[in-house]
């Protein structure tokens, strides 16, 4: 079955029915209509959001904290070693450098790979 045919088969199913494509007798795709997704939530500080747009706005209010967390995650992924308490000043410097360069993911990755912490681990 072509991708277009598969899509049409899925769209024509009754609510709750499965659309499957078989390859060598095994189901390789399986979709099921289920309950609606609840996209609301609450941050650790108690602020609530009702969807992805509100969540993004809350994250933009904490851009420095998000940059530090992402810098730490990139360092952990890139070096294979976790970020230690003693590395917090280096992580802060990486986040500041990325913010000075435009605060985008590209500038953050550049700041991480050029940092002494990344180069020495």
PDB file of N, CA and C in Angstrom:
ATOM      1  N   UNK A   1       0.857  -1.168   0.000  1.00  0.00           N
ATOM      2  CA  UNK A   1       0.000   0.000   0.000  1.00  0.00           C
ATOM      3  C   UNK A   1       0.904   1.233   0.000  1.00  0.00           C
ATOM      4  N   UNK A   2       0.597   2.198  -0.842  1.00  0.00           N
ATOM      5  CA  UNK A   2       1.389   3.425  -0.903  1.00  0.00           C
ATOM      6  C   UNK A   2       1.095   4.286   0.322  1.00  0.00           C
ATOM      7  N   UNK A   3       1.948   5.288   0.546  1.00  0.00           N
ATOM      8  CA  UNK A   3       1.752   6.173   1.685  1.00  0.00           C
ATOM      9  C   UNK A   3       0.416   6.902   1.582  1.00  0.00           C
ATOM     10  N   UNK A   4       0.076   7.364   0.369  1.00  0.00           N
ATOM     11  CA  UNK A   4      -1.210   8.038   0.183  1.00  0.00           C
ATOM     12  C   UNK A   4      -2.378   7.114   0.464  1.00  0.00           C
ATOM     13  N   UNK A   5      -2.277   5.853   0.015  1.00  0.00           N
ATOM     14  CA  UNK A   5      -3.330   4.884   0.276  1.00  0.00           C
ATOM     15  C   UNK A   5      -3.454   4.568   1.753  1.00  0.00           C
ATOM     16  N   UNK A   6      -2.333   4.498   2.431  1.00  0.00           N
ATOM     17  CA  UNK A   6      -2.332   4.254   3.869  1.00  0.00           C
ATOM     18  C   UNK A   6      -3.023   5.397   4.600  1.00  0.00           C
ATOM     19  N   UNK A   7      -2.710   6.625   4.185  1.00  0.00           N
ATOM     20  CA  UNK A   7      -3.313   7.798   4.805  1.00  0.00           C
ATOM     21  C   UNK A   7      -4.826   7.798   4.587  1.00  0.00           C
ATOM     22  N   UNK A   8      -5.263   7.489   3.383  1.00  0.00           N
ATOM     23  CA  UNK A   8      -6.693   7.451   3.092  1.00  0.00           C
ATOM     24  C   UNK A   8      -7.381   6.345   3.888  1.00  0.00           C
ATOM     25  N   UNK A   9      -6.724   5.204   4.029  1.00  0.00           N
ATOM     26  CA  UNK A   9      -7.275   4.105   4.822  1.00  0.00           C
ATOM     27  C   UNK A   9      -7.454   4.547   6.272  1.00  0.00           C
ATOM     28  N   UNK A  10      -6.462   5.255   6.814  1.00  0.00           N
ATOM     29  CA  UNK A  10      -6.543   5.734   8.193  1.00  0.00           C
ATOM     30  C   UNK A  10      -7.691   6.732   8.354  1.00  0.00           C
ATOM     31  N   UNK A  11      -7.801   7.647   7.415  1.00  0.00           N
ATOM     32  CA  UNK A  11      -8.834   8.673   7.509  1.00  0.00           C
ATOM     33  C   UNK A  11     -10.243   8.103   7.367  1.00  0.00           C
ATOM     34  N   UNK A  12     -10.384   6.984   6.686  1.00  0.00           N
ATOM     35  CA  UNK A  12     -11.715   6.421   6.465  1.00  0.00           C
ATOM     36  C   UNK A  12     -12.169   5.505   7.595  1.00  0.00           C
ATOM     37  N   UNK A  13     -11.328   5.231   8.572  1.00  0.00           N
ATOM     38  CA  UNK A  13     -11.696   4.341   9.676  1.00  0.00           C
ATOM     39  C   UNK A  13     -12.706   4.988  10.603  1.00  0.00           C
ATOM     40  N   UNK A  14     -13.508   4.145  11.225  1.00  0.00           N
ATOM     41  CA  UNK A  14     -14.423   4.609  12.260  1.00  0.00           C
ATOM     42  C   UNK A  14     -13.598   5.014  13.477  1.00  0.00           C
ATOM     43  N   UNK A  15     -14.178   5.847  14.322  1.00  0.00           N
ATOM     44  CA  UNK A  15     -13.470   6.283  15.521  1.00  0.00           C
ATOM     45  C   UNK A  15     -13.132   5.076  16.391  1.00  0.00           C
ATOM     46  N   UNK A  16     -11.881   4.967  16.783  1.00  0.00           N
ATOM     47  CA  UNK A  16     -11.426   3.875  17.627  1.00  0.00           C
ATOM     48  C   UNK A  16     -10.889   2.694  16.857  1.00  0.00           C
ATOM     49  N   UNK A  17     -11.027   2.681  15.537  1.00  0.00           N
ATOM     50  CA  UNK A  17     -10.534   1.552  14.736  1.00  0.00           C
ATOM     51  C   UNK A  17      -9.047   1.740  14.444  1.00  0.00           C
ATOM     52  N   UNK A  18      -8.392   0.653  14.143  1.00  0.00           N
ATOM     53  CA  UNK A  18      -6.964   0.695  13.841  1.00  0.00           C
ATOM     54  C   UNK A  18      -6.733   0.704  12.341  1.00  0.00           C
ATOM     55  N   UNK A  19      -5.697   1.386  11.927  1.00  0.00           N
ATOM     56  CA  UNK A  19      -5.231   1.315  10.540  1.00  0.00           C
ATOM     57  C   UNK A  19      -3.862   0.658  10.595  1.00  0.00           C
ATOM     58  N   UNK A  20      -3.685  -0.421   9.856  1.00  0.00           N
ATOM     59  CA  UNK A  20      -2.434  -1.168   9.939  1.00  0.00           C
ATOM     60  C   UNK A  20      -1.889  -1.433   8.553  1.00  0.00           C
ATOM     61  N   UNK A  21      -0.584  -1.470   8.462  1.00  0.00           N
ATOM     62  CA  UNK A  21       0.082  -1.901   7.246  1.00  0.00           C
ATOM     63  C   UNK A  21       0.969  -3.068   7.641  1.00  0.00           C
ATOM     64  N   UNK A  22       0.939  -4.119   6.868  1.00  0.00           N
ATOM     65  CA  UNK A  22       1.698  -5.313   7.223  1.00  0.00           C
ATOM     66  C   UNK A  22       2.915  -5.454   6.326  1.00  0.00           C
ATOM     67  N   UNK A  23       4.005  -5.883   6.933  1.00  0.00           N
ATOM     68  CA  UNK A  23       5.231  -6.202   6.224  1.00  0.00           C
ATOM     69  C   UNK A  23       5.717  -7.521   6.797  1.00  0.00           C
ATOM     70  N   UNK A  24       5.778  -8.549   5.977  1.00  0.00           N
ATOM     71  CA  UNK A  24       6.180  -9.889   6.412  1.00  0.00           C
ATOM     72  C   UNK A  24       5.327 -10.365   7.581  1.00  0.00           C
ATOM     73  N   UNK A  25       4.039 -10.026   7.533  1.00  0.00           N
ATOM     74  CA  UNK A  25       3.113 -10.494   8.549  1.00  0.00           C
ATOM     75  C   UNK A  25       3.133  -9.703   9.846  1.00  0.00           C
ATOM     76  N   UNK A  26       3.944  -8.644   9.915  1.00  0.00           N
ATOM     77  CA  UNK A  26       4.015  -7.860  11.148  1.00  0.00           C
ATOM     78  C   UNK A  26       3.427  -6.476  10.915  1.00  0.00           C
ATOM     79  N   UNK A  27       2.731  -5.974  11.914  1.00  0.00           N
ATOM     80  CA  UNK A  27       2.196  -4.616  11.834  1.00  0.00           C
ATOM     81  C   UNK A  27       3.343  -3.638  12.049  1.00  0.00           C
ATOM     82  N   UNK A  28       3.557  -2.751  11.081  1.00  0.00           N
ATOM     83  CA  UNK A  28       4.635  -1.781  11.257  1.00  0.00           C
ATOM     84  C   UNK A  28       4.108  -0.391  11.561  1.00  0.00           C
ATOM     85  N   UNK A  29       2.840  -0.146  11.313  1.00  0.00           N
ATOM     86  CA  UNK A  29       2.217   1.113  11.699  1.00  0.00           C
ATOM     87  C   UNK A  29       0.898   0.777  12.373  1.00  0.00           C
ATOM     88  N   UNK A  30       0.605   1.478  13.423  1.00  0.00           N
ATOM     89  CA  UNK A  30      -0.671   1.243  14.079  1.00  0.00           C
ATOM     90  C   UNK A  30      -1.118   2.560  14.702  1.00  0.00           C
ATOM     91  N   UNK A  31      -2.265   3.036  14.288  1.00  0.00           N
ATOM     92  CA  UNK A  31      -2.824   4.263  14.826  1.00  0.00           C
ATOM     93  C   UNK A  31      -4.169   3.947  15.449  1.00  0.00           C
ATOM     94  N   UNK A  32      -4.462   4.623  16.520  1.00  0.00           N
ATOM     95  CA  UNK A  32      -5.751   4.441  17.164  1.00  0.00           C
ATOM     96  C   UNK A  32      -6.202   5.800  17.680  1.00  0.00           C
ATOM     97  N   UNK A  33      -7.410   6.152  17.346  1.00  0.00           N
ATOM     98  CA  UNK A  33      -7.954   7.378  17.899  1.00  0.00           C
ATOM     99  C   UNK A  33      -8.291   7.113  19.351  1.00  0.00           C
ATOM    100  N   UNK A  34      -7.841   7.986  20.212  1.00  0.00           N
ATOM    101  CA  UNK A  34      -8.080   7.790  21.629  1.00  0.00           C
ATOM    102  C   UNK A  34      -8.649   9.044  22.264  1.00  0.00           C
ATOM    103  N   UNK A  35      -8.412   9.179  23.539  1.00  0.00           N
ATOM    104  CA  UNK A  35      -8.895  10.335  24.279  1.00  0.00           C
ATOM    105  C   UNK A  35      -8.161  11.588  23.831  1.00  0.00           C
ATOM    106  N   UNK A  36      -8.779  12.749  23.968  1.00  0.00           N
ATOM    107  CA  UNK A  36      -8.100  13.993  23.625  1.00  0.00           C
ATOM    108  C   UNK A  36      -6.893  14.213  24.536  1.00  0.00           C
ATOM    109  N   UNK A  37      -5.886  14.873  24.005  1.00  0.00           N
ATOM    110  CA  UNK A  37      -4.668  15.153  24.761  1.00  0.00           C
ATOM    111  C   UNK A  37      -4.917  16.329  25.694  1.00  0.00           C
ATOM    112  N   UNK A  38      -4.535  16.169  26.957  1.00  0.00           N
ATOM    113  CA  UNK A  38      -4.612  17.264  27.923  1.00  0.00           C
ATOM    114  C   UNK A  38      -3.258  17.958  27.922  1.00  0.00           C
ATOM    115  N   UNK A  39      -3.168  19.134  27.312  1.00  0.00           N
ATOM    116  CA  UNK A  39      -1.900  19.847  27.178  1.00  0.00           C
ATOM    117  C   UNK A  39      -1.679  20.844  28.303  1.00  0.00           C
ATOM    118  N   UNK A  40      -2.489  20.795  29.338  1.00  0.00           N
ATOM    119  CA  UNK A  40      -2.306  21.712  30.456  1.00  0.00           C
ATOM    120  C   UNK A  40      -1.302  21.125  31.437  1.00  0.00           C
ATOM    121  N   UNK A  41      -0.767  21.989  32.273  1.00  0.00           N
ATOM    122  CA  UNK A  41       0.194  21.518  33.255  1.00  0.00           C
ATOM    123  C   UNK A  41       0.546  22.606  34.241  1.00  0.00           C
ATOM    124  N   UNK A  42       1.531  22.290  35.079  1.00  0.00           N
ATOM    125  CA  UNK A  42       1.965  23.218  36.111  1.00  0.00           C
ATOM    126  C   UNK A  42       3.471  23.119  36.243  1.00  0.00           C
ATOM    127  N   UNK A  43       4.146  24.271  36.296  1.00  0.00           N
ATOM    128  CA  UNK A  43       5.588  24.298  36.488  1.00  0.00           C
ATOM    129  C   UNK A  43       5.915  24.062  37.957  1.00  0.00           C
ATOM    130  N   UNK A  44       7.174  23.829  38.241  1.00  0.00           N
ATOM    131  CA  UNK A  44       7.605  23.551  39.608  1.00  0.00           C
ATOM    132  C   UNK A  44       7.328  24.725  40.542  1.00  0.00           C
ATOM    133  N   UNK A  45       7.316  25.947  39.995  1.00  0.00           N
ATOM    134  CA  UNK A  45       7.064  27.117  40.840  1.00  0.00           C
ATOM    135  C   UNK A  45       5.574  27.420  41.018  1.00  0.00           C
ATOM    136  N   UNK A  46       4.699  26.567  40.480  1.00  0.00           N
ATOM    137  CA  UNK A  46       3.267  26.707  40.683  1.00  0.00           C
ATOM    138  C   UNK A  46       2.513  27.398  39.568  1.00  0.00           C
ATOM    139  N   UNK A  47       3.214  27.967  38.600  1.00  0.00           N
ATOM    140  CA  UNK A  47       2.523  28.626  37.487  1.00  0.00           C
ATOM    141  C   UNK A  47       1.896  27.574  36.582  1.00  0.00           C
ATOM    142  N   UNK A  48       0.660  27.842  36.148  1.00  0.00           N
ATOM    143  CA  UNK A  48      -0.089  26.875  35.344  1.00  0.00           C
ATOM    144  C   UNK A  48      -0.179  27.354  33.903  1.00  0.00           C
ATOM    145  N   UNK A  49      -0.331  26.391  32.992  1.00  0.00           N
ATOM    146  CA  UNK A  49      -0.524  26.703  31.583  1.00  0.00           C
ATOM    147  C   UNK A  49      -1.577  25.766  31.017  1.00  0.00           C
ATOM    148  N   UNK A  50      -2.239  26.226  29.943  1.00  0.00           N
ATOM    149  CA  UNK A  50      -3.325  25.462  29.337  1.00  0.00           C
ATOM    150  C   UNK A  50      -2.970  24.845  27.994  1.00  0.00           C
ATOM    151  N   UNK A  51      -1.829  25.150  27.450  1.00  0.00           N
ATOM    152  CA  UNK A  51      -1.444  24.599  26.156  1.00  0.00           C
ATOM    153  C   UNK A  51      -0.010  24.960  25.827  1.00  0.00           C
ATOM    154  N   UNK A  52       0.433  24.547  24.659  1.00  0.00           N
ATOM    155  CA  UNK A  52       1.825  24.742  24.268  1.00  0.00           C
ATOM    156  C   UNK A  52       2.174  26.216  24.123  1.00  0.00           C
ATOM    157  N   UNK A  53       1.239  27.042  23.673  1.00  0.00           N
ATOM    158  CA  UNK A  53       1.532  28.467  23.495  1.00  0.00           C
ATOM    159  C   UNK A  53       1.786  29.128  24.841  1.00  0.00           C
ATOM    160  N   UNK A  54       0.961  28.847  25.826  1.00  0.00           N
ATOM    161  CA  UNK A  54       1.181  29.393  27.166  1.00  0.00           C
ATOM    162  C   UNK A  54       2.468  28.843  27.771  1.00  0.00           C
ATOM    163  N   UNK A  55       2.765  27.569  27.525  1.00  0.00           N
ATOM    164  CA  UNK A  55       3.996  26.963  28.033  1.00  0.00           C
ATOM    165  C   UNK A  55       5.220  27.657  27.449  1.00  0.00           C
ATOM    166  N   UNK A  56       5.192  27.934  26.151  1.00  0.00           N
ATOM    167  CA  UNK A  56       6.311  28.637  25.514  1.00  0.00           C
ATOM    168  C   UNK A  56       6.498  30.022  26.110  1.00  0.00           C
ATOM    169  N   UNK A  57       5.398  30.716  26.386  1.00  0.00           N
ATOM    170  CA  UNK A  57       5.494  32.051  26.991  1.00  0.00           C
ATOM    171  C   UNK A  57       6.136  31.975  28.373  1.00  0.00           C
ATOM    172  N   UNK A  58       5.775  30.959  29.145  1.00  0.00           N
ATOM    173  CA  UNK A  58       6.376  30.794  30.465  1.00  0.00           C
ATOM    174  C   UNK A  58       7.867  30.491  30.356  1.00  0.00           C
ATOM    175  N   UNK A  59       8.253  29.688  29.362  1.00  0.00           N
ATOM    176  CA  UNK A  59       9.669  29.391  29.167  1.00  0.00           C
ATOM    177  C   UNK A  59      10.443  30.631  28.741  1.00  0.00           C
ATOM    178  N   UNK A  60       9.828  31.483  27.935  1.00  0.00           N
ATOM    179  CA  UNK A  60      10.501  32.710  27.512  1.00  0.00           C
ATOM    180  C   UNK A  60      10.752  33.645  28.685  1.00  0.00           C
ATOM    181  N   UNK A  61       9.928  33.564  29.718  1.00  0.00           N
ATOM    182  CA  UNK A  61      10.155  34.359  30.924  1.00  0.00           C
ATOM    183  C   UNK A  61      11.373  33.873  31.696  1.00  0.00           C
ATOM    184  N   UNK A  62      11.787  32.635  31.462  1.00  0.00           N
ATOM    185  CA  UNK A  62      12.924  32.034  32.168  1.00  0.00           C
ATOM    186  C   UNK A  62      14.040  31.670  31.192  1.00  0.00           C
ATOM    187  N   UNK A  63      14.291  32.535  30.221  1.00  0.00           N
ATOM    188  CA  UNK A  63      15.219  32.201  29.150  1.00  0.00           C
ATOM    189  C   UNK A  63      16.627  31.899  29.671  1.00  0.00           C
ATOM    190  N   UNK A  64      17.098  32.647  30.664  1.00  0.00           N
ATOM    191  CA  UNK A  64      18.442  32.393  31.196  1.00  0.00           C
ATOM    192  C   UNK A  64      18.534  31.009  31.833  1.00  0.00           C
ATOM    193  N   UNK A  65      17.522  30.637  32.587  1.00  0.00           N
ATOM    194  CA  UNK A  65      17.511  29.325  33.232  1.00  0.00           C
ATOM    195  C   UNK A  65      17.439  28.206  32.194  1.00  0.00           C
ATOM    196  N   UNK A  66      16.647  28.402  31.153  1.00  0.00           N
ATOM    197  CA  UNK A  66      16.538  27.403  30.088  1.00  0.00           C
ATOM    198  C   UNK A  66      17.869  27.267  29.361  1.00  0.00           C
ATOM    199  N   UNK A  67      18.548  28.396  29.110  1.00  0.00           N
ATOM    200  CA  UNK A  67      19.851  28.357  28.429  1.00  0.00           C
ATOM    201  C   UNK A  67      20.879  27.589  29.266  1.00  0.00           C
ATOM    202  N   UNK A  68      20.895  27.831  30.569  1.00  0.00           N
ATOM    203  CA  UNK A  68      21.837  27.106  31.436  1.00  0.00           C
ATOM    204  C   UNK A  68      21.536  25.612  31.447  1.00  0.00           C
ATOM    205  N   UNK A  69      20.269  25.264  31.542  1.00  0.00           N
ATOM    206  CA  UNK A  69      19.891  23.849  31.569  1.00  0.00           C
ATOM    207  C   UNK A  69      20.242  23.166  30.254  1.00  0.00           C
ATOM    208  N   UNK A  70      19.976  23.834  29.150  1.00  0.00           N
ATOM    209  CA  UNK A  70      20.289  23.256  27.846  1.00  0.00           C
ATOM    210  C   UNK A  70      21.798  23.166  27.635  1.00  0.00           C
ATOM    211  N   UNK A  71      22.540  24.164  28.113  1.00  0.00           N
ATOM    212  CA  UNK A  71      24.005  24.111  28.021  1.00  0.00           C
ATOM    213  C   UNK A  71      24.539  22.917  28.806  1.00  0.00           C
ATOM    214  N   UNK A  72      24.008  22.696  30.000  1.00  0.00           N
ATOM    215  CA  UNK A  72      24.428  21.541  30.789  1.00  0.00           C
ATOM    216  C   UNK A  72      24.096  20.228  30.108  1.00  0.00           C
ATOM    217  N   UNK A  73      22.920  20.151  29.496  1.00  0.00           N
ATOM    218  CA  UNK A  73      22.533  18.927  28.783  1.00  0.00           C
ATOM    219  C   UNK A  73      23.414  18.689  27.565  1.00  0.00           C
ATOM    220  N   UNK A  74      23.727  19.755  26.822  1.00  0.00           N
ATOM    221  CA  UNK A  74      24.610  19.614  25.662  1.00  0.00           C
ATOM    222  C   UNK A  74      26.012  19.190  26.081  1.00  0.00           C
ATOM    223  N   UNK A  75      26.498  19.738  27.188  1.00  0.00           N
ATOM    224  CA  UNK A  75      27.815  19.334  27.692  1.00  0.00           C
ATOM    225  C   UNK A  75      27.813  17.867  28.105  1.00  0.00           C
ATOM    226  N   UNK A  76      26.783  17.441  28.781  1.00  0.00           N
ATOM    227  CA  UNK A  76      26.685  16.042  29.195  1.00  0.00           C
ATOM    228  C   UNK A  76      26.639  15.126  27.984  1.00  0.00           C
ATOM    229  N   UNK A  77      25.837  15.485  26.990  1.00  0.00           N
ATOM    230  CA  UNK A  77      25.732  14.677  25.776  1.00  0.00           C
ATOM    231  C   UNK A  77      27.049  14.681  25.005  1.00  0.00           C
ATOM    232  N   UNK A  78      27.651  15.852  24.867  1.00  0.00           N
ATOM    233  CA  UNK A  78      28.859  15.980  24.051  1.00  0.00           C
ATOM    234  C   UNK A  78      30.096  15.365  24.662  1.00  0.00           C
ATOM    235  N   UNK A  79      30.209  15.413  25.974  1.00  0.00           N
ATOM    236  CA  UNK A  79      31.414  14.893  26.628  1.00  0.00           C
ATOM    237  C   UNK A  79      31.225  13.491  27.180  1.00  0.00           C
ATOM    238  N   UNK A  80      30.001  13.102  27.406  1.00  0.00           N
ATOM    239  CA  UNK A  80      29.746  11.800  28.008  1.00  0.00           C
ATOM    240  C   UNK A  80      29.932  11.809  29.513  1.00  0.00           C
ATOM    241  N   UNK A  81      30.224  12.973  30.066  1.00  0.00           N
ATOM    242  CA  UNK A  81      30.404  13.110  31.512  1.00  0.00           C
ATOM    243  C   UNK A  81      29.406  14.133  32.032  1.00  0.00           C
ATOM    244  N   UNK A  82      28.843  13.868  33.174  1.00  0.00           N
ATOM    245  CA  UNK A  82      27.872  14.787  33.745  1.00  0.00           C
ATOM    246  C   UNK A  82      28.502  16.093  34.178  1.00  0.00           C
ATOM    247  N   UNK A  83      27.697  17.134  34.224  1.00  0.00           N
ATOM    248  CA  UNK A  83      28.158  18.437  34.686  1.00  0.00           C
ATOM    249  C   UNK A  83      28.145  18.418  36.207  1.00  0.00           C
ATOM    250  N   UNK A  84      29.264  18.781  36.792  1.00  0.00           N
ATOM    251  CA  UNK A  84      29.412  18.760  38.246  1.00  0.00           C
ATOM    252  C   UNK A  84      29.110  20.135  38.841  1.00  0.00           C
ATOM    253  N   UNK A  85      28.982  20.182  40.158  1.00  0.00           N
ATOM    254  CA  UNK A  85      28.729  21.443  40.857  1.00  0.00           C
ATOM    255  C   UNK A  85      29.851  22.440  40.581  1.00  0.00           C
ATOM    256  N   UNK A  86      31.076  21.957  40.500  1.00  0.00           N
ATOM    257  CA  UNK A  86      32.226  22.832  40.249  1.00  0.00           C
ATOM    258  C   UNK A  86      32.207  23.423  38.841  1.00  0.00           C
ATOM    259  N   UNK A  87      31.403  22.873  37.953  1.00  0.00           N
ATOM    260  CA  UNK A  87      31.332  23.348  36.567  1.00  0.00           C
ATOM    261  C   UNK A  87      30.293  24.448  36.371  1.00  0.00           C
ATOM    262  N   UNK A  88      29.590  24.843  37.418  1.00  0.00           N
ATOM    263  CA  UNK A  88      28.479  25.781  37.256  1.00  0.00           C
ATOM    264  C   UNK A  88      28.917  27.136  36.715  1.00  0.00           C
ATOM    265  N   UNK A  89      30.134  27.603  37.093  1.00  0.00           N
ATOM    266  CA  UNK A  89      30.611  28.882  36.557  1.00  0.00           C
ATOM    267  C   UNK A  89      30.875  28.785  35.059  1.00  0.00           C
ATOM    268  N   UNK A  90      31.417  27.651  34.621  1.00  0.00           N
ATOM    269  CA  UNK A  90      31.678  27.449  33.193  1.00  0.00           C
ATOM    270  C   UNK A  90      30.363  27.363  32.419  1.00  0.00           C
ATOM    271  N   UNK A  91      29.371  26.698  32.981  1.00  0.00           N
ATOM    272  CA  UNK A  91      28.061  26.598  32.327  1.00  0.00           C
ATOM    273  C   UNK A  91      27.419  27.982  32.240  1.00  0.00           C
ATOM    274  N   UNK A  92      27.549  28.763  33.295  1.00  0.00           N
ATOM    275  CA  UNK A  92      27.021  30.132  33.289  1.00  0.00           C
ATOM    276  C   UNK A  92      27.712  30.976  32.220  1.00  0.00           C
ATOM    277  N   UNK A  93      29.033  30.822  32.083  1.00  0.00           N
ATOM    278  CA  UNK A  93      29.775  31.564  31.058  1.00  0.00           C
ATOM    279  C   UNK A  93      29.339  31.153  29.650  1.00  0.00           C
ATOM    280  N   UNK A  94      29.083  29.870  29.460  1.00  0.00           N
ATOM    281  CA  UNK A  94      28.607  29.378  28.158  1.00  0.00           C
ATOM    282  C   UNK A  94      27.250  29.998  27.837  1.00  0.00           C
ATOM    283  N   UNK A  95      26.352  30.021  28.812  1.00  0.00           N
ATOM    284  CA  UNK A  95      25.021  30.592  28.594  1.00  0.00           C
ATOM    285  C   UNK A  95      25.109  32.087  28.293  1.00  0.00           C
ATOM    286  N   UNK A  96      25.984  32.803  28.991  1.00  0.00           N
ATOM    287  CA  UNK A  96      26.151  34.236  28.733  1.00  0.00           C
ATOM    288  C   UNK A  96      26.716  34.482  27.344  1.00  0.00           C
ATOM    289  N   UNK A  97      27.685  33.664  26.932  1.00  0.00           N
ATOM    290  CA  UNK A  97      28.263  33.802  25.594  1.00  0.00           C
ATOM    291  C   UNK A  97      27.203  33.554  24.524  1.00  0.00           C
ATOM    292  N   UNK A  98      26.397  32.531  24.714  1.00  0.00           N
ATOM    293  CA  UNK A  98      25.339  32.224  23.749  1.00  0.00           C
ATOM    294  C   UNK A  98      24.311  33.346  23.693  1.00  0.00           C
ATOM    295  N   UNK A  99      23.980  33.917  24.840  1.00  0.00           N
ATOM    296  CA  UNK A  99      23.019  35.019  24.872  1.00  0.00           C
ATOM    297  C   UNK A  99      23.578  36.239  24.149  1.00  0.00           C
ATOM    298  N   UNK A 100      24.866  36.499  24.321  1.00  0.00           N
ATOM    299  CA  UNK A 100      25.499  37.629  23.639  1.00  0.00           C
ATOM    300  C   UNK A 100      25.529  37.433  22.127  1.00  0.00           C
ATOM    301  N   UNK A 101      25.557  36.185  21.688  1.00  0.00           N
ATOM    302  CA  UNK A 101      25.610  35.877  20.258  1.00  0.00           C
ATOM    303  C   UNK A 101      24.232  35.686  19.637  1.00  0.00           C
ATOM    304  N   UNK A 102      23.177  35.975  20.371  1.00  0.00           N
ATOM    305  CA  UNK A 102      21.840  35.897  19.795  1.00  0.00           C
ATOM    306  C   UNK A 102      20.882  34.969  20.504  1.00  0.00           C
ATOM    307  N   UNK A 103      21.340  34.204  21.464  1.00  0.00           N
ATOM    308  CA  UNK A 103      20.500  33.336  22.298  1.00  0.00           C
ATOM    309  C   UNK A 103      19.758  32.261  21.518  1.00  0.00           C
ATOM    310  N   UNK A 104      20.284  31.846  20.380  1.00  0.00           N
ATOM    311  CA  UNK A 104      19.675  30.759  19.633  1.00  0.00           C
ATOM    312  C   UNK A 104      20.387  29.451  19.909  1.00  0.00           C
ATOM    313  N   UNK A 105      19.814  28.371  19.427  1.00  0.00           N
ATOM    314  CA  UNK A 105      20.417  27.058  19.629  1.00  0.00           C
ATOM    315  C   UNK A 105      21.783  26.977  18.961  1.00  0.00           C
ATOM    316  N   UNK A 106      21.904  27.565  17.779  1.00  0.00           N
ATOM    317  CA  UNK A 106      23.185  27.544  17.073  1.00  0.00           C
ATOM    318  C   UNK A 106      24.274  28.238  17.896  1.00  0.00           C
ATOM    319  N   UNK A 107      23.960  29.407  18.449  1.00  0.00           N
ATOM    320  CA  UNK A 107      24.953  30.120  19.252  1.00  0.00           C
ATOM    321  C   UNK A 107      25.280  29.346  20.527  1.00  0.00           C
ATOM    322  N   UNK A 108      24.309  28.642  21.080  1.00  0.00           N
ATOM    323  CA  UNK A 108      24.565  27.839  22.273  1.00  0.00           C
ATOM    324  C   UNK A 108      25.476  26.659  21.956  1.00  0.00           C
ATOM    325  N   UNK A 109      25.224  25.978  20.853  1.00  0.00           N
ATOM    326  CA  UNK A 109      26.080  24.853  20.459  1.00  0.00           C
ATOM    327  C   UNK A 109      27.502  25.343  20.202  1.00  0.00           C
ATOM    328  N   UNK A 110      27.651  26.477  19.521  1.00  0.00           N
ATOM    329  CA  UNK A 110      28.986  27.029  19.274  1.00  0.00           C
ATOM    330  C   UNK A 110      29.691  27.353  20.588  1.00  0.00           C
ATOM    331  N   UNK A 111      28.978  27.979  21.519  1.00  0.00           N
ATOM    332  CA  UNK A 111      29.577  28.323  22.808  1.00  0.00           C
ATOM    333  C   UNK A 111      29.992  27.070  23.576  1.00  0.00           C
ATOM    334  N   UNK A 112      29.189  26.018  23.497  1.00  0.00           N
ATOM    335  CA  UNK A 112      29.520  24.769  24.195  1.00  0.00           C
ATOM    336  C   UNK A 112      30.779  24.148  23.620  1.00  0.00           C
ATOM    337  N   UNK A 113      30.843  23.985  22.299  1.00  0.00           N
ATOM    338  CA  UNK A 113      31.986  23.277  21.707  1.00  0.00           C
ATOM    339  C   UNK A 113      33.267  24.093  21.750  1.00  0.00           C
ATOM    340  N   UNK A 114      33.170  25.397  21.956  1.00  0.00           N
ATOM    341  CA  UNK A 114      34.364  26.227  22.067  1.00  0.00           C
ATOM    342  C   UNK A 114      34.793  26.433  23.514  1.00  0.00           C
ATOM    343  N   UNK A 115      34.034  25.917  24.452  1.00  0.00           N
ATOM    344  CA  UNK A 115      34.338  26.138  25.867  1.00  0.00           C
ATOM    345  C   UNK A 115      35.473  25.233  26.332  1.00  0.00           C
ATOM    346  N   UNK A 116      36.284  25.716  27.275  1.00  0.00           N
ATOM    347  CA  UNK A 116      37.344  24.869  27.842  1.00  0.00           C
ATOM    348  C   UNK A 116      36.794  23.610  28.515  1.00  0.00           C
ATOM    349  N   UNK A 117      35.609  23.711  29.083  1.00  0.00           N
ATOM    350  CA  UNK A 117      34.997  22.554  29.736  1.00  0.00           C
ATOM    351  C   UNK A 117      34.739  21.438  28.732  1.00  0.00           C
ATOM    352  N   UNK A 118      34.238  21.774  27.557  1.00  0.00           N
ATOM    353  CA  UNK A 118      33.990  20.781  26.515  1.00  0.00           C
ATOM    354  C   UNK A 118      35.309  20.234  25.975  1.00  0.00           C
ATOM    355  N   UNK A 119      36.272  21.094  25.773  1.00  0.00           N
ATOM    356  CA  UNK A 119      37.544  20.686  25.166  1.00  0.00           C
ATOM    357  C   UNK A 119      38.415  19.867  26.108  1.00  0.00           C
ATOM    358  N   UNK A 120      38.204  19.998  27.421  1.00  0.00           N
ATOM    359  CA  UNK A 120      39.079  19.304  28.372  1.00  0.00           C
ATOM    360  C   UNK A 120      38.500  18.008  28.923  1.00  0.00           C
ATOM    361  N   UNK A 121      37.220  17.769  28.754  1.00  0.00           N
ATOM    362  CA  UNK A 121      36.625  16.534  29.299  1.00  0.00           C
ATOM    363  C   UNK A 121      36.758  15.398  28.334  1.00  0.00           C
TER     364      UNK A 121
END
